Amino acid sequence: MKISTKKIKEQVLHLPTSARPYINPDDINVPEGYKVEVVAAGLSFPTGMGFDDNGSLYILEGGSTWPTRPALPPRILKLDTDKKELEVFAVETLGGPRGVTYKDGYLYVSCKGGYLARVVRYDVKTREREVLIEKIPSGGWHEPGGPVFSPHDGLMYFANGSVSQNGVCLPAGFTVDFAKHPEVHDIPGVDITLTGNNVTSRNPLMPFPFLTETGAFKPFGTPAKKGEKIKGELWCSTGLWRSKPDGSEVELIAWGLRNPYGLAFSEDGELYASDNCLEEKGERAIAGDPDRIWHIRNAKTSHGSVKTPDWYGFPEMRADGVPVWDEKCKPAKGKAAEQLIENLPEWAGPPVYLEKPHSAMTKMDFCKSDFFGHRGELFVTEWGTYAPLNSPHEKDLDNGFQIVRVNVKNGKSEVFLRNKHSGPASYHQNGGIERPVDCKFHPDGKSLYILDFGHSPITEGYIHAYGHTGVLWKVTKQ
């Protein structure tokens, strides 16, 4: 099936979808000298994209994994940016593709899993599919990151977020994945000892109100004991790994990354990861945790040399280095957190960049173009807040919904693209951007492509997402 994009000629695009009836680049602010245009519309739950060496763009549609999303297939689309034609390259299994990159004739794709996430590889010419890795703990809240390839050593780097939301599997997870994967739980990357602090919650598996206790690194309803030792594993949750391109010789180089959805290498071979904040909600609520970008220091070490992976704080540290049981983390809503790990590993922080809580930084790309401007800066998509669902504060309602450019050397940032009115376009019934999920520079360095997930409204009790509302935007320097 091929879908032509040549018909998108006028500035305002009217769509046959009531959830997102029109798109208008004029409702978006960019710096003077840059132009925004629509490349493709009608995408369903787009989650990531990547260019091959010829300038063809591969776009991922995540498919339906949450009950609040309609049944739509997880697909890999291919856009010929010269001919302006979009076709279905492949259909993935449920769980859905999340990240994609091209290297030496192959397309590498990370996919969210049931109990296990995976990395697959496609031959671009034959479209033959091969599963490289299928051992990554999944089945919960958070997502795969990468894969990306290092310009320093040519190895493949990939990551995956936590199973739990804030360190303990709790009833809110049953609205996502836990009901389908009741034995799932977080796994540490090094040996740890538990404090025995458990979290008391209702049990949604019982027909009448019934309380149960759950411990860290345990399935829902299983308590931890004081002094209990949990063995660290290569295939942990919250991990970041590297391997050879064929998936062999896997090495864990970092863990404690809550949701490392975005991975990007700078021109000098340094690896950075975006990460989302702990939530101020539920039975282990944590206030004031910033979104952040980490420098993954071990990416510059030689392959096989990492004996102890760096720990980036989950589930015990805010990104600013404050322990989550500190008074500063006391929530306005929800039960305050207690310490879970008795022997805390050495913290690998601080981050190179802190962002407002609940901005939901997702994928990102370094500018390597003198023509486009801002060479060496990291362009980061911010999906946007889930408040009021995950935060009781009115100040968090508009966080995110933009593209920022970050100087990773000094930790400073500036907004590059956002709507003329703060928040997603649907807040103000206009035709701007909804939820930016990825941005990639074209190989020629002349334009930045931005992937917009589409219309996904939030209430205090649930999340919706609408198919056929995703958009691919393009920003060009005039």
Protein backbone atom coordinates (compact mmCIF):
# COMPACT_ATOMS: atom_id res chain seq x y z
CA MET A 1 0.00 0.00 0.00
CA LYS A 2 1.32 3.44 -0.94
CA ILE A 3 -0.03 6.73 0.35
CA SER A 4 0.85 9.84 -1.60
CA THR A 5 1.80 12.98 0.31
CA LYS A 6 1.85 15.19 -2.79
CA LYS A 7 -1.67 16.44 -2.03
CA ILE A 8 -0.43 18.34 1.02
CA LYS A 9 0.15 21.65 -0.73
CA GLU A 10 -1.91 24.21 1.10
CA GLN A 11 -0.77 25.60 4.42
CA VAL A 12 -3.88 24.53 6.35
CA LEU A 13 -4.66 20.82 6.09
CA HIS A 14 -8.25 19.73 6.81
CA LEU A 15 -8.60 16.14 8.02
CA PRO A 16 -11.56 13.71 8.26
CA THR A 17 -10.83 13.02 11.95
CA SER A 18 -12.96 14.75 14.57
CA ALA A 19 -10.23 14.34 17.21
CA ARG A 20 -7.85 16.46 15.11
CA PRO A 21 -9.85 18.17 12.37
CA TYR A 22 -7.12 20.38 10.91
CA ILE A 23 -3.40 21.14 10.99
CA ASN A 24 -1.87 24.58 10.55
CA PRO A 25 1.90 25.28 10.68
CA ASP A 26 1.13 28.96 11.30
CA ASP A 27 0.03 28.02 14.82
CA ILE A 28 3.62 26.97 15.66
CA ASN A 29 6.45 29.29 16.74
CA VAL A 30 10.00 28.72 15.48
CA PRO A 31 12.95 31.15 15.42
CA GLU A 32 13.12 33.73 12.68
CA GLY A 33 14.54 32.28 9.50
CA TYR A 34 12.98 28.83 9.88
CA LYS A 35 9.85 27.46 8.19
CA VAL A 36 7.46 24.71 9.38
CA GLU A 37 5.50 22.48 7.01
CA VAL A 38 3.47 19.27 7.11
CA VAL A 39 4.99 16.22 5.41
CA ALA A 40 2.48 13.48 6.33
CA ALA A 41 -0.71 13.23 8.38
CA GLY A 42 -3.01 10.49 9.61
CA LEU A 43 -0.34 8.41 11.37
CA SER A 44 -1.46 6.13 14.22
CA PHE A 45 0.53 6.28 17.48
CA PRO A 46 3.92 7.12 15.88
CA THR A 47 6.73 6.38 18.35
CA GLY A 48 10.05 6.91 16.56
CA MET A 49 11.83 7.37 13.24
CA GLY A 50 15.21 7.15 11.56
CA PHE A 51 16.89 7.93 8.23
CA ASP A 52 18.94 5.62 6.05
CA ASP A 53 21.98 6.87 4.14
CA ASN A 54 19.86 7.68 1.06
CA GLY A 55 17.49 9.98 2.95
CA SER A 56 14.55 7.57 3.17
CA LEU A 57 12.76 7.94 6.48
CA TYR A 58 11.45 4.96 8.46
CA ILE A 59 8.53 5.81 10.75
CA LEU A 60 7.27 3.55 13.54
CA GLU A 61 3.61 3.19 14.48
CA GLY A 62 3.44 1.74 17.99
CA GLY A 63 0.22 -0.25 17.72
CA SER A 64 -2.20 -0.87 20.58
CA THR A 65 -0.80 -2.08 23.88
CA TRP A 66 -2.94 -0.10 26.32
CA PRO A 67 -6.69 -0.69 26.89
CA THR A 68 -7.30 3.01 26.18
CA ARG A 69 -6.03 2.69 22.61
CA PRO A 70 -8.02 1.22 19.72
CA ALA A 71 -6.87 -1.94 17.92
CA LEU A 72 -4.43 -0.74 15.27
CA PRO A 73 -1.41 -2.67 13.91
CA PRO A 74 2.18 -1.89 14.92
CA ARG A 75 3.90 -0.97 11.66
CA ILE A 76 7.13 0.29 10.14
CA LEU A 77 6.49 2.81 7.37
CA LYS A 78 8.98 3.98 4.76
CA LEU A 79 8.84 7.52 3.39
CA ASP A 80 10.77 8.39 0.24
CA THR A 81 11.43 12.05 1.00
CA ASP A 82 12.20 12.81 -2.67
CA LYS A 83 9.17 11.12 -4.27
CA LYS A 84 6.93 12.03 -1.30
CA GLU A 85 5.54 8.49 -1.11
CA LEU A 86 4.77 6.56 2.07
CA GLU A 87 4.53 2.76 2.11
CA VAL A 88 4.27 -0.03 4.67
CA PHE A 89 7.74 -1.55 5.07
CA ALA A 90 6.79 -4.20 7.66
CA VAL A 91 4.20 -5.12 10.30
CA GLU A 92 5.54 -5.94 13.75
CA THR A 93 4.01 -8.10 16.49
CA LEU A 94 1.98 -6.59 19.32
CA GLY A 95 4.03 -4.74 21.85
CA GLY A 96 5.05 -2.52 19.03
CA PRO A 97 8.19 -0.83 17.65
CA ARG A 98 9.60 2.07 19.67
CA GLY A 99 13.04 2.98 18.27
CA VAL A 100 14.74 2.54 14.90
CA THR A 101 18.14 3.18 13.36
CA TYR A 102 19.88 2.24 10.11
CA LYS A 103 23.37 0.81 9.71
CA ASP A 104 25.12 -0.94 6.82
CA GLY A 105 22.04 -2.14 4.96
CA TYR A 106 20.04 -3.14 8.02
CA LEU A 107 17.22 -1.54 9.97
CA TYR A 108 17.51 -2.10 13.74
CA VAL A 109 14.27 -1.80 15.73
CA SER A 110 13.53 -2.00 19.46
CA CYS A 111 10.09 -3.31 20.42
CA LYS A 112 8.12 -3.21 23.65
CA GLY A 113 7.32 -6.69 24.91
CA GLY A 114 5.08 -8.73 27.15
CA TYR A 115 7.39 -10.13 29.78
CA LEU A 116 10.34 -9.53 27.42
CA ALA A 117 11.21 -6.65 25.08
CA ARG A 118 13.33 -7.29 21.99
CA VAL A 119 15.64 -5.88 19.35
CA VAL A 120 15.05 -7.04 15.77
CA ARG A 121 16.90 -6.44 12.52
CA TYR A 122 15.55 -6.09 8.96
CA ASP A 123 17.51 -6.46 5.75
CA VAL A 124 16.45 -3.30 3.91
CA LYS A 125 16.59 -4.96 0.46
CA THR A 126 14.94 -8.32 1.21
CA ARG A 127 12.93 -7.15 4.28
CA GLU A 128 13.92 -10.38 6.00
CA ARG A 129 13.43 -10.09 9.78
CA GLU A 130 15.75 -11.49 12.44
CA VAL A 131 15.33 -11.35 16.23
CA LEU A 132 18.69 -10.35 17.72
CA ILE A 133 17.77 -10.01 21.40
CA GLU A 134 14.68 -11.08 23.34
CA LYS A 135 15.72 -11.09 26.98
CA ILE A 136 14.97 -7.55 28.18
CA PRO A 137 12.59 -7.43 31.21
CA SER A 138 9.40 -5.62 30.18
CA GLY A 139 5.67 -6.00 30.78
CA GLY A 140 5.17 -2.82 32.76
CA TRP A 141 5.03 0.95 32.51
CA HIS A 142 8.10 2.01 30.60
CA GLU A 143 9.71 1.76 27.22
CA PRO A 144 12.74 0.62 25.22
CA GLY A 145 15.34 3.21 24.26
CA GLY A 146 17.51 3.08 21.15
CA PRO A 147 19.01 1.23 19.46
CA VAL A 148 21.77 3.61 18.41
CA PHE A 149 25.30 2.99 17.13
CA SER A 150 28.42 4.60 18.53
CA PRO A 151 30.71 6.51 16.15
CA HIS A 152 33.46 5.67 18.64
CA ASP A 153 33.34 1.84 18.65
CA GLY A 154 30.57 0.86 16.17
CA LEU A 155 28.69 -1.04 18.88
CA MET A 156 24.92 -1.10 19.32
CA TYR A 157 23.56 0.66 22.43
CA PHE A 158 20.01 0.06 23.71
CA ALA A 159 18.04 0.55 26.92
CA ASN A 160 14.76 -0.23 28.67
CA GLY A 161 12.81 1.51 31.44
CA SER A 162 11.36 0.30 34.72
CA VAL A 163 8.52 -2.17 35.10
CA SER A 164 7.06 -0.27 38.06
CA GLN A 165 6.15 3.38 38.10
CA ASN A 166 7.96 4.47 41.27
CA GLY A 167 9.84 1.35 42.38
CA VAL A 168 7.03 -0.95 43.55
CA CYS A 169 4.39 -2.72 41.43
CA LEU A 170 1.06 -1.14 42.43
CA PRO A 171 -2.62 -1.27 41.38
CA ALA A 172 -2.37 1.60 38.87
CA GLY A 173 -0.27 -0.75 36.74
CA PHE A 174 -3.27 -2.96 36.13
CA THR A 175 -4.68 -0.30 33.82
CA VAL A 176 -1.53 -0.70 31.71
CA ASP A 177 0.11 -4.12 31.65
CA PHE A 178 0.23 -5.87 35.02
CA ALA A 179 -3.11 -7.65 34.56
CA LYS A 180 -1.62 -9.35 31.49
CA HIS A 181 1.73 -10.03 33.20
CA PRO A 182 0.97 -10.63 36.91
CA GLU A 183 4.43 -12.00 37.82
CA VAL A 184 6.38 -9.11 36.32
CA HIS A 185 8.65 -6.99 38.53
CA ASP A 186 11.79 -4.83 38.49
CA ILE A 187 15.23 -6.49 38.53
CA PRO A 188 18.37 -4.72 39.83
CA GLY A 189 21.61 -4.44 37.86
CA VAL A 190 23.84 -5.16 40.89
CA ASP A 191 23.39 -7.12 44.14
CA ILE A 192 21.26 -5.19 46.63
CA THR A 193 19.85 -5.65 50.14
CA LEU A 194 16.25 -4.64 50.87
CA THR A 195 15.12 -2.57 53.86
CA GLY A 196 11.90 -4.55 54.21
CA ASN A 197 9.79 -1.42 53.74
CA ASN A 198 6.68 -2.53 51.85
CA VAL A 199 3.83 -0.58 50.29
CA THR A 200 0.25 -1.27 51.35
CA SER A 201 -2.38 -0.92 48.63
CA ARG A 202 -5.75 -2.25 47.58
CA ASN A 203 -5.81 -5.50 45.69
CA PRO A 204 -7.68 -5.13 42.36
CA LEU A 205 -7.72 -8.92 41.94
CA MET A 206 -10.16 -9.32 44.86
CA PRO A 207 -13.94 -8.82 44.44
CA PHE A 208 -14.23 -6.83 47.71
CA PRO A 209 -11.97 -4.18 49.27
CA PHE A 210 -8.87 -6.02 50.38
CA LEU A 211 -5.39 -4.73 51.23
CA THR A 212 -2.10 -6.32 50.28
CA GLU A 213 1.61 -5.57 50.72
CA THR A 214 4.19 -5.35 47.92
CA GLY A 215 7.95 -4.98 48.15
CA ALA A 216 10.52 -3.54 45.77
CA PHE A 217 11.78 -5.88 43.02
CA LYS A 218 8.81 -8.17 43.73
CA PRO A 219 5.64 -9.08 41.80
CA PHE A 220 2.48 -7.31 42.95
CA GLY A 221 1.25 -8.71 46.26
CA THR A 222 4.62 -10.15 47.34
CA PRO A 223 6.19 -8.45 50.38
CA ALA A 224 9.93 -7.99 50.95
CA LYS A 225 11.79 -8.92 54.12
CA LYS A 226 14.33 -6.78 55.98
CA GLY A 227 17.85 -7.81 55.00
CA GLU A 228 16.65 -9.80 52.00
CA LYS A 229 19.29 -9.95 49.27
CA ILE A 230 18.39 -9.62 45.59
CA LYS A 231 20.97 -10.66 43.05
CA GLY A 232 21.84 -8.23 40.26
CA GLU A 233 21.40 -9.53 36.73
CA LEU A 234 22.74 -8.71 33.28
CA TRP A 235 19.17 -8.50 32.02
CA CYS A 236 17.83 -6.06 34.59
CA SER A 237 15.08 -3.48 34.29
CA THR A 238 16.13 0.21 34.00
CA GLY A 239 19.24 -0.95 32.13
CA LEU A 240 21.40 0.32 29.31
CA TRP A 241 23.45 -2.22 27.35
CA ARG A 242 25.81 -2.45 24.41
CA SER A 243 26.58 -5.31 22.07
CA LYS A 244 28.02 -6.14 18.69
CA PRO A 245 25.65 -5.32 15.79
CA ASP A 246 24.50 -8.95 15.64
CA GLY A 247 23.38 -8.81 19.29
CA SER A 248 26.28 -10.85 20.67
CA GLU A 249 28.64 -10.05 23.57
CA VAL A 250 26.07 -8.04 25.52
CA GLU A 251 27.40 -5.83 28.32
CA LEU A 252 25.40 -3.89 30.94
CA ILE A 253 26.97 -0.44 31.35
CA ALA A 254 24.29 1.41 33.37
CA TRP A 255 21.09 0.86 35.34
CA GLY A 256 18.67 2.89 37.47
CA LEU A 257 17.33 4.78 34.41
CA ARG A 258 13.59 5.10 34.94
CA ASN A 259 12.52 5.64 31.33
CA PRO A 260 15.53 6.15 29.00
CA TYR A 261 13.43 6.54 25.86
CA GLY A 262 15.85 8.82 24.00
CA LEU A 263 19.47 7.90 23.27
CA ALA A 264 21.79 10.06 21.16
CA PHE A 265 25.50 10.17 20.39
CA SER A 266 27.32 13.47 19.94
CA GLU A 267 29.84 13.94 17.14
CA ASP A 268 32.68 13.21 19.56
CA GLY A 269 31.15 9.85 20.55
CA GLU A 270 29.62 10.74 23.92
CA LEU A 271 26.29 9.06 24.74
CA TYR A 272 23.34 10.88 26.32
CA ALA A 273 19.99 9.53 27.54
CA SER A 274 16.72 11.32 28.26
CA ASP A 275 14.84 10.15 31.35
CA ASN A 276 11.43 10.92 32.85
CA CYS A 277 10.67 11.92 36.42
CA LEU A 278 9.13 9.91 39.24
CA GLU A 279 5.39 10.51 39.68
CA GLU A 280 3.62 12.42 42.44
CA LYS A 281 0.77 9.95 42.77
CA GLY A 282 -0.28 6.65 44.28
CA GLU A 283 0.99 4.65 47.23
CA ARG A 284 4.65 5.66 46.80
CA ALA A 285 4.41 9.26 45.59
CA ILE A 286 7.45 11.50 45.05
CA ALA A 287 7.24 15.28 44.55
CA GLY A 288 9.54 17.60 42.65
CA ASP A 289 11.59 15.14 40.59
CA PRO A 290 12.90 16.89 37.45
CA ASP A 291 13.05 15.35 34.00
CA ARG A 292 16.70 14.98 32.97
CA ILE A 293 19.37 14.14 30.45
CA TRP A 294 22.18 11.87 31.61
CA HIS A 295 25.70 11.58 30.29
CA ILE A 296 26.39 7.83 30.03
CA ARG A 297 30.03 7.82 31.02
CA ASN A 298 30.69 4.13 30.46
CA ALA A 299 29.91 4.41 26.73
CA LYS A 300 33.47 5.65 26.16
CA THR A 301 35.08 2.68 27.94
CA SER A 302 36.35 -0.33 26.01
CA HIS A 303 33.90 -3.14 25.31
CA GLY A 304 33.90 -5.73 28.09
CA SER A 305 35.67 -3.54 30.63
CA VAL A 306 32.65 -2.52 32.79
CA LYS A 307 32.67 -4.69 35.91
CA THR A 308 30.08 -2.65 37.85
CA PRO A 309 27.47 -0.69 35.86
CA ASP A 310 26.83 2.93 36.83
CA TRP A 311 23.65 3.58 38.85
CA TYR A 312 21.53 6.59 37.91
CA GLY A 313 19.21 6.64 40.92
CA PHE A 314 15.96 4.75 40.28
CA PRO A 315 14.03 4.09 42.48
CA GLU A 316 15.72 5.94 45.36
CA MET A 317 17.00 9.31 44.10
CA ARG A 318 15.50 12.35 42.46
CA ALA A 319 17.47 13.66 39.49
CA ASP A 320 18.76 16.53 41.65
CA GLY A 321 20.35 14.05 44.05
CA VAL A 322 17.74 14.24 46.83
CA PRO A 323 16.75 10.87 48.36
CA VAL A 324 13.05 10.24 47.72
CA TRP A 325 12.26 9.82 51.44
CA ASP A 326 13.55 13.35 52.16
CA GLU A 327 11.07 15.96 53.37
CA LYS A 328 11.56 17.85 50.07
CA CYS A 329 9.94 14.92 48.23
CA LYS A 330 6.82 14.77 50.40
CA PRO A 331 3.82 14.73 48.02
CA ALA A 332 0.78 16.95 48.09
CA LYS A 333 -1.23 13.90 47.07
CA GLY A 334 -0.41 10.24 47.68
CA LYS A 335 1.63 8.36 50.31
CA ALA A 336 5.22 9.50 50.89
CA ALA A 337 8.05 7.18 49.85
CA GLU A 338 10.22 5.12 52.19
CA GLN A 339 13.71 3.77 51.52
CA LEU A 340 13.71 0.44 49.66
CA ILE A 341 17.41 -0.37 49.11
CA GLU A 342 19.57 -0.62 52.25
CA ASN A 343 22.98 -0.50 50.51
CA LEU A 344 22.59 2.31 47.99
CA PRO A 345 25.05 2.11 45.07
CA GLU A 346 27.21 5.13 44.26
CA TRP A 347 25.15 7.67 42.31
CA ALA A 348 26.34 8.44 38.76
CA GLY A 349 24.79 11.92 38.73
CA PRO A 350 24.30 14.78 38.43
CA PRO A 351 22.58 15.02 35.03
CA VAL A 352 23.89 17.37 32.36
CA TYR A 353 20.43 18.95 32.08
CA LEU A 354 17.38 19.29 34.33
CA GLU A 355 13.91 20.07 32.97
CA LYS A 356 10.59 20.81 34.66
CA PRO A 357 8.90 17.74 36.17
CA HIS A 358 6.42 15.94 33.91
CA SER A 359 7.72 17.53 30.71
CA ALA A 360 8.23 13.95 29.47
CA MET A 361 11.38 14.32 27.40
CA THR A 362 11.41 11.61 24.73
CA LYS A 363 13.69 11.12 21.72
CA MET A 364 16.40 13.50 20.58
CA ASP A 365 19.14 14.17 18.04
CA PHE A 366 22.36 16.19 17.91
CA CYS A 367 22.67 18.84 15.22
CA LYS A 368 25.72 18.08 13.11
CA SER A 369 25.04 20.77 10.49
CA ASP A 370 26.58 24.21 10.14
CA PHE A 371 23.88 25.05 7.60
CA PHE A 372 20.94 24.43 9.95
CA GLY A 373 22.62 26.19 12.85
CA HIS A 374 23.26 25.29 16.49
CA ARG A 375 25.77 22.60 15.60
CA GLY A 376 26.70 20.47 18.60
CA GLU A 377 23.47 21.16 20.47
CA LEU A 378 21.02 18.44 21.41
CA PHE A 379 17.47 18.85 20.08
CA VAL A 380 15.02 17.17 22.46
CA THR A 381 11.31 16.43 22.00
CA GLU A 382 9.06 16.92 25.02
CA TRP A 383 5.94 14.81 24.78
CA GLY A 384 4.16 16.84 27.45
CA THR A 385 2.70 16.38 30.88
CA TYR A 386 0.24 13.75 32.09
CA ALA A 387 -1.07 16.23 34.70
CA PRO A 388 -3.59 16.17 36.29
CA LEU A 389 -3.30 12.37 36.19
CA ASN A 390 0.27 12.23 37.54
CA SER A 391 0.58 15.57 39.31
CA PRO A 392 -1.84 17.54 41.53
CA HIS A 393 -0.19 20.87 40.68
CA GLU A 394 -1.73 23.36 38.27
CA LYS A 395 1.77 24.63 37.40
CA ASP A 396 2.51 21.28 35.70
CA LEU A 397 -0.46 21.38 33.28
CA ASP A 398 1.49 22.97 30.40
CA ASN A 399 4.95 21.43 30.91
CA GLY A 400 6.47 20.03 27.73
CA PHE A 401 4.72 20.03 24.32
CA GLN A 402 7.80 21.53 22.66
CA ILE A 403 11.27 21.02 21.18
CA VAL A 404 14.19 22.40 23.17
CA ARG A 405 17.83 22.66 22.16
CA VAL A 406 20.24 21.81 24.96
CA ASN A 407 23.89 22.69 25.38
CA VAL A 408 25.13 19.56 27.16
CA LYS A 409 28.39 21.32 28.12
CA ASN A 410 26.80 24.00 30.30
CA GLY A 411 23.32 22.58 30.97
CA LYS A 412 21.49 25.53 29.40
CA SER A 413 18.58 25.30 26.97
CA GLU A 414 16.30 27.36 24.76
CA VAL A 415 12.94 26.53 23.26
CA PHE A 416 13.26 25.91 19.53
CA LEU A 417 9.67 25.01 18.61
CA ARG A 418 6.36 25.23 20.43
CA ASN A 419 2.78 26.31 19.82
CA LYS A 420 1.93 29.99 19.95
CA HIS A 421 -0.29 29.11 22.91
CA SER A 422 1.26 26.85 25.57
CA GLY A 423 0.16 23.23 25.73
CA PRO A 424 -1.05 20.96 22.93
CA ALA A 425 -3.05 22.35 20.02
CA SER A 426 -6.24 20.65 21.25
CA TYR A 427 -6.16 22.81 24.42
CA HIS A 428 -6.86 25.85 22.27
CA GLN A 429 -8.70 24.26 19.31
CA ASN A 430 -5.97 25.23 16.86
CA GLY A 431 -3.88 23.39 14.28
CA GLY A 432 -0.45 23.29 15.95
CA ILE A 433 1.55 20.45 17.42
CA GLU A 434 0.07 17.93 19.87
CA ARG A 435 2.70 15.63 21.44
CA PRO A 436 6.19 15.64 19.86
CA VAL A 437 7.79 12.22 20.34
CA ASP A 438 10.89 12.25 18.09
CA CYS A 439 13.07 14.58 16.04
CA LYS A 440 15.73 13.67 13.49
CA PHE A 441 17.96 15.73 11.22
CA HIS A 442 17.95 14.80 7.54
CA PRO A 443 21.32 13.37 6.43
CA ASP A 444 21.90 16.45 4.26
CA GLY A 445 21.75 18.64 7.38
CA LYS A 446 19.26 21.08 5.86
CA SER A 447 16.08 20.17 7.75
CA LEU A 448 14.75 18.79 11.02
CA TYR A 449 11.88 16.28 10.92
CA ILE A 450 9.55 16.16 13.94
CA LEU A 451 7.22 13.27 14.72
CA ASP A 452 3.99 14.20 16.49
CA PHE A 453 2.24 11.32 18.32
CA GLY A 454 -1.17 12.93 17.91
CA HIS A 455 -4.16 13.65 20.12
CA SER A 456 -3.83 12.09 23.59
CA PRO A 457 -5.93 13.91 26.20
CA ILE A 458 -5.59 13.34 29.94
CA THR A 459 -8.05 13.50 32.82
CA GLU A 460 -7.60 12.91 36.55
CA GLY A 461 -8.49 9.26 36.05
CA TYR A 462 -7.41 8.02 32.63
CA ILE A 463 -5.50 8.52 29.38
CA HIS A 464 -6.94 8.42 25.88
CA ALA A 465 -5.11 8.18 22.56
CA TYR A 466 -6.63 8.57 19.10
CA GLY A 467 -5.43 6.76 16.00
CA HIS A 468 -4.97 8.55 12.65
CA THR A 469 -4.06 11.84 14.40
CA GLY A 470 -0.25 11.64 14.21
CA VAL A 471 1.68 14.10 12.04
CA LEU A 472 5.17 14.34 10.53
CA TRP A 473 6.43 17.93 10.47
CA LYS A 474 9.49 19.39 8.80
CA VAL A 475 11.49 22.47 9.83
CA THR A 476 13.76 24.02 7.22
CA LYS A 477 16.12 26.94 7.46
CA GLN A 478 15.20 29.49 4.81
